[in-house]
Amino acid sequence: MTANKYGNVLTVLLVILIVAILLGVGFLVYNYVIKPRIEDNRAIEAIEEFDRAVEENNSESNEEELPNGIAPSEGASSSNTKKQKIYYKEFVMLGYITIPKTNVKQPILDTVTPDSLNAAVAVLYPSNTQLNQPGNVVIVGHNYRNGQFFSDNNKLSVGDKIMIKDNSGKELSYTIYQKFQTTEQDTSFYTRDTKGVAEITLSTCTDDSKARIIILARAE
């Protein structure tokens, strides 16, 4: 009788162990395979919608331009030519980033909050920024260690390309010229002198979250 009870206990423990392993494997598959694919598909759909909206904005602006450079009459409102804002997961989308080497294509949001960084990458500096303009723009993104967002920034090297498309429809190619690690508190590279050239800074945490991987790139 005692042997049977012992055997039953082992069977129950074995079943619990198997269930725990299956749950663990399922959790890993979801977080490292299924979830990134779902989020990447959502991002691609948002980017396609962004491109359509930018094209419509530009088309409307062209239609409303006065011939022969004639200026609008005094007091005329410019609200009709104001471009509509484009949103992704309730955040304003300034454009999107493409990193061919790491197969990244993500919306760039205008606000850094816990929710926005869970949704995409976002501009940390400066405030009220316009992409692809002279000066430095700091773009931050999570390192989820699953290939999503800036998870693979550690694989980028000097000379690699990064493309940024803004809400005017302009796309610039940036070349990485420096990569280093620093502390989370270091902001010394935010206000660097770009000599009138458009530059970007990509920032994410290292795999152990003890430092930041910083990538500097300059528009071609």
N, C-alpha and C. Protein backbone atom coordinates (compact mmCIF):
# COMPACT_ATOMS: atom_id res chain seq x y z
N MET A 1 0.83 -1.20 0.00
CA MET A 1 0.00 0.00 0.00
C MET A 1 0.87 1.25 0.00
N THR A 2 1.89 1.21 0.84
CA THR A 2 2.80 2.35 0.94
C THR A 2 3.51 2.58 -0.39
N ALA A 3 3.90 1.49 -1.03
CA ALA A 3 4.58 1.59 -2.32
C ALA A 3 3.66 2.22 -3.36
N ASN A 4 2.36 1.85 -3.32
CA ASN A 4 1.41 2.43 -4.27
C ASN A 4 1.25 3.93 -4.06
N LYS A 5 1.16 4.32 -2.77
CA LYS A 5 1.04 5.75 -2.47
C LYS A 5 2.27 6.50 -2.94
N TYR A 6 3.43 5.88 -2.72
CA TYR A 6 4.68 6.51 -3.15
C TYR A 6 4.71 6.65 -4.67
N GLY A 7 4.24 5.59 -5.33
CA GLY A 7 4.19 5.63 -6.79
C GLY A 7 3.23 6.69 -7.29
N ASN A 8 2.08 6.83 -6.61
CA ASN A 8 1.11 7.85 -7.01
C ASN A 8 1.67 9.26 -6.85
N VAL A 9 2.39 9.46 -5.74
CA VAL A 9 3.00 10.78 -5.50
C VAL A 9 4.01 11.09 -6.60
N LEU A 10 4.83 10.11 -6.97
CA LEU A 10 5.82 10.32 -8.04
C LEU A 10 5.14 10.64 -9.36
N THR A 11 4.02 9.95 -9.61
CA THR A 11 3.27 10.20 -10.86
C THR A 11 2.74 11.63 -10.89
N VAL A 12 2.18 12.08 -9.76
CA VAL A 12 1.66 13.44 -9.68
C VAL A 12 2.78 14.45 -9.86
N LEU A 13 3.91 14.20 -9.20
CA LEU A 13 5.04 15.12 -9.34
C LEU A 13 5.56 15.16 -10.77
N LEU A 14 5.57 13.99 -11.43
CA LEU A 14 6.03 13.92 -12.80
C LEU A 14 5.09 14.71 -13.72
N VAL A 15 3.79 14.57 -13.49
CA VAL A 15 2.81 15.31 -14.28
C VAL A 15 2.98 16.81 -14.08
N ILE A 16 3.16 17.22 -12.82
CA ILE A 16 3.37 18.64 -12.52
C ILE A 16 4.62 19.16 -13.21
N LEU A 17 5.69 18.34 -13.19
CA LEU A 17 6.94 18.74 -13.82
C LEU A 17 6.77 18.89 -15.34
N ILE A 18 6.07 17.96 -15.94
CA ILE A 18 5.85 18.01 -17.39
C ILE A 18 5.03 19.25 -17.76
N VAL A 19 3.96 19.51 -16.96
CA VAL A 19 3.12 20.68 -17.22
C VAL A 19 3.94 21.96 -17.08
N ALA A 20 4.80 22.01 -16.04
CA ALA A 20 5.63 23.19 -15.82
C ALA A 20 6.59 23.40 -17.00
N ILE A 21 7.17 22.30 -17.49
CA ILE A 21 8.10 22.41 -18.63
C ILE A 21 7.37 22.90 -19.86
N LEU A 22 6.16 22.33 -20.10
CA LEU A 22 5.38 22.75 -21.27
C LEU A 22 5.00 24.22 -21.18
N LEU A 23 4.61 24.66 -19.97
CA LEU A 23 4.26 26.07 -19.79
C LEU A 23 5.48 26.97 -20.02
N GLY A 24 6.63 26.52 -19.52
CA GLY A 24 7.86 27.29 -19.71
C GLY A 24 8.25 27.39 -21.17
N VAL A 25 8.16 26.27 -21.88
CA VAL A 25 8.48 26.28 -23.31
C VAL A 25 7.49 27.16 -24.06
N GLY A 26 6.21 27.04 -23.70
CA GLY A 26 5.19 27.87 -24.34
C GLY A 26 5.44 29.35 -24.11
N PHE A 27 5.83 29.70 -22.89
CA PHE A 27 6.14 31.09 -22.56
C PHE A 27 7.30 31.60 -23.40
N LEU A 28 8.35 30.79 -23.53
CA LEU A 28 9.53 31.20 -24.30
C LEU A 28 9.19 31.34 -25.79
N VAL A 29 8.42 30.37 -26.32
CA VAL A 29 8.04 30.42 -27.73
C VAL A 29 7.21 31.67 -28.01
N TYR A 30 6.27 31.97 -27.10
CA TYR A 30 5.42 33.14 -27.31
C TYR A 30 6.24 34.42 -27.27
N ASN A 31 7.10 34.56 -26.27
CA ASN A 31 7.84 35.82 -26.08
C ASN A 31 8.97 36.01 -27.09
N TYR A 32 9.56 34.90 -27.58
CA TYR A 32 10.71 35.05 -28.45
C TYR A 32 10.41 34.73 -29.91
N VAL A 33 9.23 34.17 -30.21
CA VAL A 33 8.89 33.84 -31.59
C VAL A 33 7.56 34.46 -32.00
N ILE A 34 6.50 34.12 -31.29
CA ILE A 34 5.16 34.54 -31.71
C ILE A 34 4.94 36.03 -31.50
N LYS A 35 5.22 36.53 -30.28
CA LYS A 35 4.97 37.94 -29.98
C LYS A 35 5.75 38.87 -30.89
N PRO A 36 7.07 38.65 -31.10
CA PRO A 36 7.80 39.55 -32.01
C PRO A 36 7.20 39.57 -33.41
N ARG A 37 6.75 38.41 -33.90
CA ARG A 37 6.16 38.37 -35.25
C ARG A 37 4.85 39.14 -35.30
N ILE A 38 4.04 39.01 -34.26
CA ILE A 38 2.78 39.76 -34.20
C ILE A 38 3.05 41.25 -34.18
N GLU A 39 3.98 41.67 -33.32
CA GLU A 39 4.29 43.10 -33.20
C GLU A 39 4.94 43.63 -34.48
N ASP A 40 5.79 42.83 -35.11
CA ASP A 40 6.41 43.27 -36.36
C ASP A 40 5.36 43.46 -37.45
N ASN A 41 4.39 42.56 -37.50
CA ASN A 41 3.31 42.68 -38.49
C ASN A 41 2.49 43.94 -38.25
N ARG A 42 2.22 44.25 -36.98
CA ARG A 42 1.49 45.47 -36.64
C ARG A 42 2.29 46.70 -37.05
N ALA A 43 3.59 46.65 -36.80
CA ALA A 43 4.45 47.78 -37.16
C ALA A 43 4.46 47.99 -38.67
N ILE A 44 4.56 46.90 -39.44
CA ILE A 44 4.58 47.01 -40.89
C ILE A 44 3.27 47.59 -41.40
N GLU A 45 2.16 47.16 -40.83
CA GLU A 45 0.85 47.71 -41.22
C GLU A 45 0.79 49.21 -40.92
N ALA A 46 1.31 49.60 -39.75
CA ALA A 46 1.31 51.02 -39.38
C ALA A 46 2.19 51.83 -40.33
N ILE A 47 3.32 51.27 -40.72
CA ILE A 47 4.23 51.96 -41.64
C ILE A 47 3.59 52.12 -43.01
N GLU A 48 2.90 51.09 -43.47
CA GLU A 48 2.20 51.19 -44.76
C GLU A 48 1.12 52.27 -44.70
N GLU A 49 0.41 52.33 -43.59
CA GLU A 49 -0.62 53.37 -43.42
C GLU A 49 0.03 54.75 -43.34
N PHE A 50 1.18 54.82 -42.68
CA PHE A 50 1.93 56.08 -42.59
C PHE A 50 2.31 56.57 -43.98
N ASP A 51 2.83 55.68 -44.82
CA ASP A 51 3.23 56.07 -46.18
C ASP A 51 2.02 56.56 -46.98
N ARG A 52 0.89 55.90 -46.81
CA ARG A 52 -0.31 56.34 -47.52
C ARG A 52 -0.74 57.72 -47.05
N ALA A 53 -0.72 57.93 -45.73
CA ALA A 53 -1.15 59.22 -45.18
C ALA A 53 -0.20 60.34 -45.60
N VAL A 54 1.09 60.07 -45.62
CA VAL A 54 2.07 61.08 -46.06
C VAL A 54 1.83 61.45 -47.52
N GLU A 55 1.57 60.44 -48.33
CA GLU A 55 1.30 60.69 -49.75
C GLU A 55 0.05 61.55 -49.92
N GLU A 56 -1.00 61.24 -49.13
CA GLU A 56 -2.23 62.04 -49.20
C GLU A 56 -1.98 63.46 -48.72
N ASN A 57 -1.22 63.61 -47.64
CA ASN A 57 -0.89 64.94 -47.13
C ASN A 57 -0.16 65.76 -48.19
N ASN A 58 0.83 65.15 -48.83
CA ASN A 58 1.60 65.85 -49.84
C ASN A 58 0.75 66.18 -51.06
N SER A 59 -0.15 65.28 -51.41
CA SER A 59 -1.03 65.52 -52.55
C SER A 59 -1.96 66.68 -52.28
N GLU A 60 -2.53 66.72 -51.07
CA GLU A 60 -3.43 67.82 -50.70
C GLU A 60 -2.68 69.14 -50.66
N SER A 61 -1.45 69.12 -50.16
CA SER A 61 -0.65 70.35 -50.10
C SER A 61 -0.37 70.87 -51.49
N ASN A 62 -0.06 69.98 -52.42
CA ASN A 62 0.23 70.39 -53.79
C ASN A 62 -0.99 70.98 -54.47
N GLU A 63 -2.16 70.39 -54.20
CA GLU A 63 -3.39 70.88 -54.80
C GLU A 63 -3.75 72.26 -54.30
N GLU A 64 -3.38 72.56 -53.04
CA GLU A 64 -3.76 73.83 -52.45
C GLU A 64 -2.75 74.94 -52.69
N GLU A 65 -1.60 74.63 -53.35
CA GLU A 65 -0.61 75.66 -53.64
C GLU A 65 -1.16 76.62 -54.70
N LEU A 66 -0.95 77.89 -54.49
CA LEU A 66 -1.41 78.90 -55.44
C LEU A 66 -0.46 78.98 -56.63
N PRO A 67 -0.98 79.26 -57.82
CA PRO A 67 -0.13 79.27 -59.02
C PRO A 67 0.83 80.45 -59.03
N ASN A 68 1.96 80.25 -59.71
CA ASN A 68 2.94 81.32 -59.96
C ASN A 68 3.48 81.95 -58.67
N GLY A 69 3.46 81.18 -57.57
CA GLY A 69 4.02 81.67 -56.32
C GLY A 69 3.24 82.77 -55.67
N ILE A 70 1.95 82.96 -56.06
CA ILE A 70 1.13 84.01 -55.47
C ILE A 70 0.90 83.70 -53.99
N ALA A 71 1.13 84.66 -53.12
CA ALA A 71 0.96 84.45 -51.69
C ALA A 71 -0.52 84.46 -51.33
N PRO A 72 -0.92 83.75 -50.26
CA PRO A 72 -2.31 83.80 -49.81
C PRO A 72 -2.70 85.21 -49.43
N SER A 73 -3.98 85.51 -49.57
CA SER A 73 -4.46 86.83 -49.21
C SER A 73 -4.31 87.06 -47.72
N GLU A 74 -4.22 88.30 -47.32
CA GLU A 74 -4.01 88.66 -45.91
C GLU A 74 -5.14 88.11 -45.07
N GLY A 75 -4.77 87.47 -43.98
CA GLY A 75 -5.79 86.93 -43.08
C GLY A 75 -6.22 85.54 -43.44
N ALA A 76 -5.71 85.02 -44.56
CA ALA A 76 -6.10 83.68 -44.97
C ALA A 76 -5.54 82.67 -43.99
N SER A 77 -6.31 81.65 -43.68
CA SER A 77 -5.90 80.64 -42.72
C SER A 77 -5.03 79.59 -43.39
N SER A 78 -3.99 79.14 -42.69
CA SER A 78 -3.15 78.08 -43.21
C SER A 78 -3.57 76.73 -42.68
N SER A 79 -4.69 76.68 -41.97
CA SER A 79 -5.12 75.43 -41.34
C SER A 79 -5.44 74.36 -42.37
N ASN A 80 -5.87 74.81 -43.58
CA ASN A 80 -6.24 73.84 -44.60
C ASN A 80 -5.04 73.04 -45.09
N THR A 81 -3.85 73.64 -44.98
CA THR A 81 -2.65 72.96 -45.46
C THR A 81 -1.89 72.28 -44.32
N LYS A 82 -2.42 72.34 -43.14
CA LYS A 82 -1.76 71.69 -42.01
C LYS A 82 -1.87 70.18 -42.15
N LYS A 83 -0.76 69.51 -42.05
CA LYS A 83 -0.76 68.07 -42.26
C LYS A 83 -1.36 67.34 -41.06
N GLN A 84 -2.13 66.32 -41.37
CA GLN A 84 -2.75 65.55 -40.30
C GLN A 84 -1.69 64.72 -39.57
N LYS A 85 -1.88 64.59 -38.28
CA LYS A 85 -0.96 63.77 -37.50
C LYS A 85 -1.30 62.29 -37.72
N ILE A 86 -0.28 61.49 -37.65
CA ILE A 86 -0.44 60.06 -37.86
C ILE A 86 -0.10 59.35 -36.55
N TYR A 87 -0.96 58.42 -36.14
CA TYR A 87 -0.81 57.80 -34.83
C TYR A 87 -0.50 56.30 -34.95
N TYR A 88 0.24 55.83 -33.96
CA TYR A 88 0.48 54.39 -33.82
C TYR A 88 0.30 54.05 -32.34
N LYS A 89 -0.69 53.22 -32.06
CA LYS A 89 -1.00 52.83 -30.68
C LYS A 89 -1.17 54.06 -29.78
N GLU A 90 -1.90 55.05 -30.29
CA GLU A 90 -2.28 56.26 -29.56
C GLU A 90 -1.14 57.27 -29.39
N PHE A 91 -0.02 57.04 -30.05
CA PHE A 91 1.11 57.98 -29.98
C PHE A 91 1.36 58.55 -31.37
N VAL A 92 1.79 59.82 -31.40
CA VAL A 92 2.07 60.46 -32.68
C VAL A 92 3.31 59.81 -33.31
N MET A 93 3.17 59.46 -34.57
CA MET A 93 4.25 58.80 -35.31
C MET A 93 4.97 59.85 -36.16
N LEU A 94 6.24 60.09 -35.85
CA LEU A 94 7.03 61.08 -36.57
C LEU A 94 7.60 60.54 -37.87
N GLY A 95 7.72 59.24 -37.95
CA GLY A 95 8.32 58.59 -39.11
C GLY A 95 8.62 57.16 -38.76
N TYR A 96 9.57 56.57 -39.49
CA TYR A 96 9.97 55.21 -39.13
C TYR A 96 11.43 54.97 -39.47
N ILE A 97 12.00 53.99 -38.80
CA ILE A 97 13.41 53.65 -38.93
C ILE A 97 13.55 52.28 -39.56
N THR A 98 14.52 52.15 -40.46
CA THR A 98 14.83 50.87 -41.09
C THR A 98 16.31 50.59 -40.88
N ILE A 99 16.61 49.41 -40.33
CA ILE A 99 18.01 48.98 -40.15
C ILE A 99 18.17 47.66 -40.88
N PRO A 100 18.67 47.70 -42.11
CA PRO A 100 18.75 46.47 -42.92
C PRO A 100 19.53 45.34 -42.27
N LYS A 101 20.65 45.65 -41.61
CA LYS A 101 21.51 44.59 -41.08
C LYS A 101 20.81 43.75 -40.02
N THR A 102 19.96 44.38 -39.22
CA THR A 102 19.27 43.66 -38.14
C THR A 102 17.79 43.42 -38.46
N ASN A 103 17.39 43.71 -39.70
CA ASN A 103 16.02 43.47 -40.15
C ASN A 103 14.99 44.18 -39.27
N VAL A 104 15.30 45.44 -38.94
CA VAL A 104 14.41 46.25 -38.09
C VAL A 104 13.67 47.27 -38.96
N LYS A 105 12.37 47.37 -38.74
CA LYS A 105 11.56 48.41 -39.37
C LYS A 105 10.48 48.77 -38.38
N GLN A 106 10.63 49.95 -37.74
CA GLN A 106 9.77 50.31 -36.63
C GLN A 106 9.31 51.76 -36.71
N PRO A 107 8.08 52.02 -36.26
CA PRO A 107 7.63 53.42 -36.13
C PRO A 107 8.51 54.17 -35.15
N ILE A 108 8.67 55.46 -35.38
CA ILE A 108 9.35 56.35 -34.43
C ILE A 108 8.28 57.25 -33.82
N LEU A 109 8.11 57.16 -32.51
CA LEU A 109 7.08 57.92 -31.81
C LEU A 109 7.66 59.20 -31.23
N ASP A 110 6.78 60.17 -30.95
CA ASP A 110 7.26 61.49 -30.52
C ASP A 110 7.39 61.63 -29.02
N THR A 111 7.03 60.59 -28.27
CA THR A 111 6.99 60.70 -26.80
C THR A 111 7.65 59.48 -26.17
N VAL A 112 8.48 59.71 -25.16
CA VAL A 112 9.08 58.60 -24.41
C VAL A 112 8.33 58.41 -23.10
N THR A 113 7.60 57.31 -23.03
CA THR A 113 6.90 56.89 -21.82
C THR A 113 7.02 55.37 -21.75
N PRO A 114 6.73 54.76 -20.60
CA PRO A 114 6.76 53.29 -20.55
C PRO A 114 5.86 52.65 -21.62
N ASP A 115 4.69 53.24 -21.85
CA ASP A 115 3.77 52.68 -22.84
C ASP A 115 4.28 52.86 -24.27
N SER A 116 4.84 54.03 -24.56
CA SER A 116 5.33 54.25 -25.93
C SER A 116 6.52 53.36 -26.24
N LEU A 117 7.37 53.12 -25.25
CA LEU A 117 8.53 52.26 -25.48
C LEU A 117 8.15 50.79 -25.54
N ASN A 118 6.99 50.44 -25.01
CA ASN A 118 6.46 49.08 -25.21
C ASN A 118 5.86 48.92 -26.59
N ALA A 119 5.53 50.06 -27.23
CA ALA A 119 4.87 50.03 -28.54
C ALA A 119 5.87 50.08 -29.69
N ALA A 120 6.94 50.87 -29.55
CA ALA A 120 7.89 51.08 -30.65
C ALA A 120 9.13 51.76 -30.09
N VAL A 121 9.90 52.42 -30.97
CA VAL A 121 11.02 53.25 -30.52
C VAL A 121 10.54 54.69 -30.51
N ALA A 122 11.26 55.56 -29.80
CA ALA A 122 10.75 56.92 -29.62
C ALA A 122 11.89 57.93 -29.52
N VAL A 123 11.56 59.19 -29.82
CA VAL A 123 12.55 60.28 -29.74
C VAL A 123 12.64 60.77 -28.30
N LEU A 124 13.84 60.72 -27.75
CA LEU A 124 14.09 61.21 -26.40
C LEU A 124 14.56 62.66 -26.40
N TYR A 125 15.32 63.03 -27.43
CA TYR A 125 15.89 64.38 -27.51
C TYR A 125 16.03 64.77 -28.97
N PRO A 126 15.76 66.05 -29.33
CA PRO A 126 15.18 67.11 -28.49
C PRO A 126 13.66 67.01 -28.48
N SER A 127 13.03 67.85 -27.66
CA SER A 127 11.57 67.89 -27.64
C SER A 127 11.07 68.60 -28.90
N ASN A 128 9.85 68.26 -29.31
CA ASN A 128 9.24 68.84 -30.51
C ASN A 128 10.14 68.72 -31.72
N THR A 129 10.77 67.58 -31.85
CA THR A 129 11.75 67.41 -32.93
C THR A 129 11.09 67.14 -34.27
N GLN A 130 11.84 67.45 -35.32
CA GLN A 130 11.50 67.05 -36.68
C GLN A 130 12.64 66.16 -37.17
N LEU A 131 12.31 65.02 -37.71
CA LEU A 131 13.34 64.10 -38.18
C LEU A 131 14.00 64.64 -39.45
N ASN A 132 15.21 64.15 -39.68
CA ASN A 132 15.98 64.46 -40.89
C ASN A 132 16.30 65.95 -41.04
N GLN A 133 16.46 66.62 -39.91
CA GLN A 133 16.84 68.03 -39.91
C GLN A 133 18.25 68.16 -39.32
N PRO A 134 18.96 69.27 -39.59
CA PRO A 134 20.29 69.47 -39.03
C PRO A 134 20.27 69.35 -37.50
N GLY A 135 21.30 68.73 -36.95
CA GLY A 135 21.37 68.52 -35.50
C GLY A 135 21.25 67.05 -35.16
N ASN A 136 21.27 66.77 -33.88
CA ASN A 136 21.24 65.39 -33.40
C ASN A 136 19.88 65.03 -32.82
N VAL A 137 19.39 63.86 -33.18
CA VAL A 137 18.14 63.33 -32.62
C VAL A 137 18.44 62.01 -31.93
N VAL A 138 18.08 61.90 -30.66
CA VAL A 138 18.31 60.68 -29.88
C VAL A 138 17.06 59.82 -29.92
N ILE A 139 17.21 58.60 -30.43
CA ILE A 139 16.09 57.65 -30.52
C ILE A 139 16.38 56.48 -29.61
N VAL A 140 15.46 56.19 -28.71
CA VAL A 140 15.66 55.11 -27.74
C VAL A 140 14.69 53.96 -28.02
N GLY A 141 15.13 52.77 -27.67
CA GLY A 141 14.29 51.59 -27.85
C GLY A 141 14.72 50.49 -26.90
N HIS A 142 13.79 49.62 -26.57
CA HIS A 142 14.08 48.52 -25.65
C HIS A 142 14.97 47.46 -26.30
N ASN A 143 15.73 46.79 -25.47
CA ASN A 143 16.44 45.57 -25.85
C ASN A 143 15.72 44.41 -25.18
N TYR A 144 14.83 43.78 -25.92
CA TYR A 144 14.06 42.66 -25.38
C TYR A 144 14.80 41.33 -25.54
N ARG A 145 15.98 41.36 -26.16
CA ARG A 145 16.80 40.16 -26.37
C ARG A 145 16.08 39.12 -27.23
N ASN A 146 15.17 39.60 -28.07
CA ASN A 146 14.41 38.70 -28.94
C ASN A 146 14.39 39.19 -30.39
N GLY A 147 15.27 40.16 -30.71
CA GLY A 147 15.31 40.69 -32.06
C GLY A 147 14.38 41.86 -32.31
N GLN A 148 13.51 42.15 -31.34
CA GLN A 148 12.54 43.22 -31.51
C GLN A 148 13.14 44.57 -31.10
N PHE A 149 12.70 45.65 -31.78
CA PHE A 149 13.17 47.01 -31.51
C PHE A 149 14.69 47.08 -31.67
N PHE A 150 15.40 47.49 -30.59
CA PHE A 150 16.85 47.64 -30.68
C PHE A 150 17.60 46.47 -30.02
N SER A 151 16.97 45.31 -29.98
CA SER A 151 17.59 44.15 -29.33
C SER A 151 18.91 43.73 -29.96
N ASP A 152 19.05 43.95 -31.27
CA ASP A 152 20.26 43.52 -31.97
C ASP A 152 21.20 44.66 -32.30
N ASN A 153 21.07 45.79 -31.61
CA ASN A 153 21.98 46.91 -31.89
C ASN A 153 23.44 46.56 -31.61
N ASN A 154 23.67 45.59 -30.74
CA ASN A 154 25.04 45.18 -30.45
C ASN A 154 25.71 44.56 -31.68
N LYS A 155 24.91 44.15 -32.67
CA LYS A 155 25.45 43.55 -33.90
C LYS A 155 25.83 44.60 -34.95
N LEU A 156 25.44 45.85 -34.71
CA LEU A 156 25.74 46.91 -35.68
C LEU A 156 27.19 47.36 -35.54
N SER A 157 27.75 47.81 -36.67
CA SER A 157 29.16 48.22 -36.70
C SER A 157 29.30 49.54 -37.46
N VAL A 158 30.45 50.16 -37.27
CA VAL A 158 30.77 51.38 -38.02
C VAL A 158 30.69 51.07 -39.52
N GLY A 159 30.00 51.94 -40.25
CA GLY A 159 29.82 51.74 -41.68
C GLY A 159 28.45 51.20 -42.06
N ASP A 160 27.73 50.61 -41.09
CA ASP A 160 26.38 50.10 -41.37
C ASP A 160 25.41 51.25 -41.61
N LYS A 161 24.35 50.97 -42.35
CA LYS A 161 23.38 51.99 -42.74
C LYS A 161 22.10 51.92 -41.89
N ILE A 162 21.52 53.11 -41.69
CA ILE A 162 20.23 53.25 -41.02
C ILE A 162 19.42 54.25 -41.83
N MET A 163 18.18 53.90 -42.15
CA MET A 163 17.33 54.81 -42.92
C MET A 163 16.23 55.38 -42.03
N ILE A 164 15.98 56.67 -42.20
CA ILE A 164 14.90 57.35 -41.48
C ILE A 164 13.99 58.04 -42.49
N LYS A 165 12.70 57.71 -42.43
CA LYS A 165 11.71 58.41 -43.25
C LYS A 165 10.85 59.26 -42.35
N ASP A 166 10.68 60.54 -42.71
CA ASP A 166 9.93 61.46 -41.85
C ASP A 166 8.52 61.70 -42.39
N ASN A 167 7.76 62.54 -41.68
CA ASN A 167 6.36 62.74 -42.06
C ASN A 167 6.16 63.71 -43.22
N SER A 168 7.27 64.15 -43.83
CA SER A 168 7.16 64.91 -45.07
C SER A 168 7.35 64.00 -46.28
N GLY A 169 7.73 62.75 -46.00
CA GLY A 169 7.99 61.80 -47.07
C GLY A 169 9.44 61.68 -47.44
N LYS A 170 10.30 62.50 -46.80
CA LYS A 170 11.74 62.45 -47.11
C LYS A 170 12.40 61.31 -46.35
N GLU A 171 13.25 60.56 -47.05
CA GLU A 171 14.00 59.48 -46.42
C GLU A 171 15.49 59.73 -46.59
N LEU A 172 16.21 59.69 -45.48
CA LEU A 172 17.66 59.87 -45.50
C LEU A 172 18.34 58.59 -45.05
N SER A 173 19.51 58.36 -45.62
CA SER A 173 20.34 57.22 -45.21
C SER A 173 21.45 57.74 -44.32
N TYR A 174 21.61 57.14 -43.15
CA TYR A 174 22.63 57.52 -42.17
C TYR A 174 23.67 56.41 -42.09
N THR A 175 24.92 56.81 -41.95
CA THR A 175 26.02 55.86 -41.82
C THR A 175 26.58 55.92 -40.40
N ILE A 176 26.68 54.76 -39.78
CA ILE A 176 27.22 54.70 -38.41
C ILE A 176 28.72 55.05 -38.44
N TYR A 177 29.11 56.00 -37.57
CA TYR A 177 30.53 56.37 -37.51
C TYR A 177 31.13 56.15 -36.13
N GLN A 178 30.30 55.81 -35.14
CA GLN A 178 30.85 55.53 -33.80
C GLN A 178 29.87 54.67 -33.00
N LYS A 179 30.43 53.80 -32.18
CA LYS A 179 29.62 52.93 -31.31
C LYS A 179 30.38 52.74 -30.01
N PHE A 180 29.69 52.90 -28.89
CA PHE A 180 30.34 52.75 -27.59
C PHE A 180 29.30 52.43 -26.52
N GLN A 181 29.79 52.08 -25.34
CA GLN A 181 28.92 51.85 -24.18
C GLN A 181 29.15 52.93 -23.14
N THR A 182 28.10 53.29 -22.44
CA THR A 182 28.21 54.30 -21.40
C THR A 182 27.13 54.05 -20.36
N THR A 183 27.08 54.91 -19.36
CA THR A 183 26.09 54.76 -18.30
C THR A 183 24.74 55.30 -18.75
N GLU A 184 23.71 54.90 -18.07
CA GLU A 184 22.37 55.38 -18.38
C GLU A 184 22.24 56.87 -18.14
N GLN A 185 23.05 57.42 -17.24
CA GLN A 185 22.97 58.84 -16.88
C GLN A 185 23.73 59.75 -17.84
N ASP A 186 24.55 59.18 -18.71
CA ASP A 186 25.39 59.98 -19.59
C ASP A 186 24.55 60.61 -20.70
N THR A 187 24.55 61.94 -20.77
CA THR A 187 23.83 62.66 -21.83
C THR A 187 24.79 63.58 -22.59
N SER A 188 26.07 63.39 -22.42
CA SER A 188 27.06 64.31 -22.98
C SER A 188 27.03 64.36 -24.50
N PHE A 189 26.55 63.31 -25.15
CA PHE A 189 26.55 63.25 -26.61
C PHE A 189 25.26 63.80 -27.22
N TYR A 190 24.31 64.19 -26.39
CA TYR A 190 23.03 64.70 -26.91
C TYR A 190 23.22 65.96 -27.74
N THR A 191 23.97 66.90 -27.21
CA THR A 191 24.06 68.24 -27.82
C THR A 191 25.35 68.42 -28.60
N ARG A 192 25.89 67.39 -29.17
CA ARG A 192 27.14 67.50 -29.92
C ARG A 192 26.97 68.38 -31.16
N ASP A 193 28.07 68.96 -31.59
CA ASP A 193 28.07 69.83 -32.77
C ASP A 193 28.10 68.95 -34.02
N THR A 194 27.02 68.99 -34.79
CA THR A 194 26.95 68.19 -36.02
C THR A 194 27.36 68.99 -37.25
N LYS A 195 27.77 70.24 -37.05
CA LYS A 195 28.20 71.12 -38.14
C LYS A 195 27.13 71.25 -39.22
N GLY A 196 25.89 71.35 -38.77
CA GLY A 196 24.79 71.58 -39.69
C GLY A 196 24.29 70.35 -40.43
N VAL A 197 24.80 69.18 -40.06
CA VAL A 197 24.40 67.94 -40.72
C VAL A 197 23.39 67.20 -39.83
N ALA A 198 22.45 66.49 -40.46
CA ALA A 198 21.50 65.68 -39.70
C ALA A 198 22.21 64.44 -39.17
N GLU A 199 22.07 64.21 -37.87
CA GLU A 199 22.63 63.01 -37.25
C GLU A 199 21.58 62.36 -36.35
N ILE A 200 21.77 61.08 -36.08
CA ILE A 200 20.90 60.36 -35.13
C ILE A 200 21.77 59.61 -34.14
N THR A 201 21.21 59.39 -32.97
CA THR A 201 21.82 58.57 -31.94
C THR A 201 20.82 57.49 -31.55
N LEU A 202 21.24 56.23 -31.63
CA LEU A 202 20.40 55.13 -31.16
C LEU A 202 20.89 54.71 -29.79
N SER A 203 19.97 54.54 -28.86
CA SER A 203 20.33 54.19 -27.48
C SER A 203 19.47 53.03 -26.99
N THR A 204 20.12 52.03 -26.42
CA THR A 204 19.40 50.91 -25.82
C THR A 204 20.29 50.31 -24.73
N CYS A 205 19.73 49.45 -23.92
CA CYS A 205 20.52 48.85 -22.84
C CYS A 205 21.30 47.64 -23.35
N THR A 206 22.37 47.31 -22.66
CA THR A 206 23.12 46.10 -22.95
C THR A 206 22.30 44.89 -22.50
N ASP A 207 22.74 43.70 -22.89
CA ASP A 207 21.97 42.49 -22.54
C ASP A 207 21.85 42.29 -21.03
N ASP A 208 22.85 42.76 -20.29
CA ASP A 208 22.79 42.61 -18.84
C ASP A 208 22.18 43.84 -18.15
N SER A 209 21.75 44.83 -18.95
CA SER A 209 21.09 46.04 -18.45
C SER A 209 21.98 46.90 -17.55
N LYS A 210 23.30 46.68 -17.59
CA LYS A 210 24.20 47.44 -16.73
C LYS A 210 24.75 48.71 -17.40
N ALA A 211 24.54 48.83 -18.71
CA ALA A 211 25.07 49.98 -19.44
C ALA A 211 24.18 50.25 -20.64
N ARG A 212 24.54 51.28 -21.41
CA ARG A 212 23.81 51.63 -22.61
C ARG A 212 24.70 51.46 -23.83
N ILE A 213 24.13 50.91 -24.90
CA ILE A 213 24.83 50.84 -26.19
C ILE A 213 24.43 52.08 -26.98
N ILE A 214 25.40 52.88 -27.33
CA ILE A 214 25.15 54.14 -28.04
C ILE A 214 25.72 54.03 -29.45
N ILE A 215 24.92 54.39 -30.43
CA ILE A 215 25.33 54.36 -31.84
C ILE A 215 25.12 55.74 -32.43
N LEU A 216 26.18 56.31 -33.00
CA LEU A 216 26.11 57.61 -33.65
C LEU A 216 26.17 57.41 -35.17
N ALA A 217 25.25 58.09 -35.88
CA ALA A 217 25.22 57.96 -37.33
C ALA A 217 24.98 59.32 -37.97
N ARG A 218 25.53 59.50 -39.16
CA ARG A 218 25.47 60.80 -39.86
C ARG A 218 24.80 60.62 -41.22
N ALA A 219 23.95 61.57 -41.58
CA ALA A 219 23.27 61.53 -42.87
C ALA A 219 24.27 61.65 -44.01
N GLU A 220 24.04 60.91 -45.06
CA GLU A 220 24.95 60.94 -46.21
C GLU A 220 24.71 62.17 -47.08
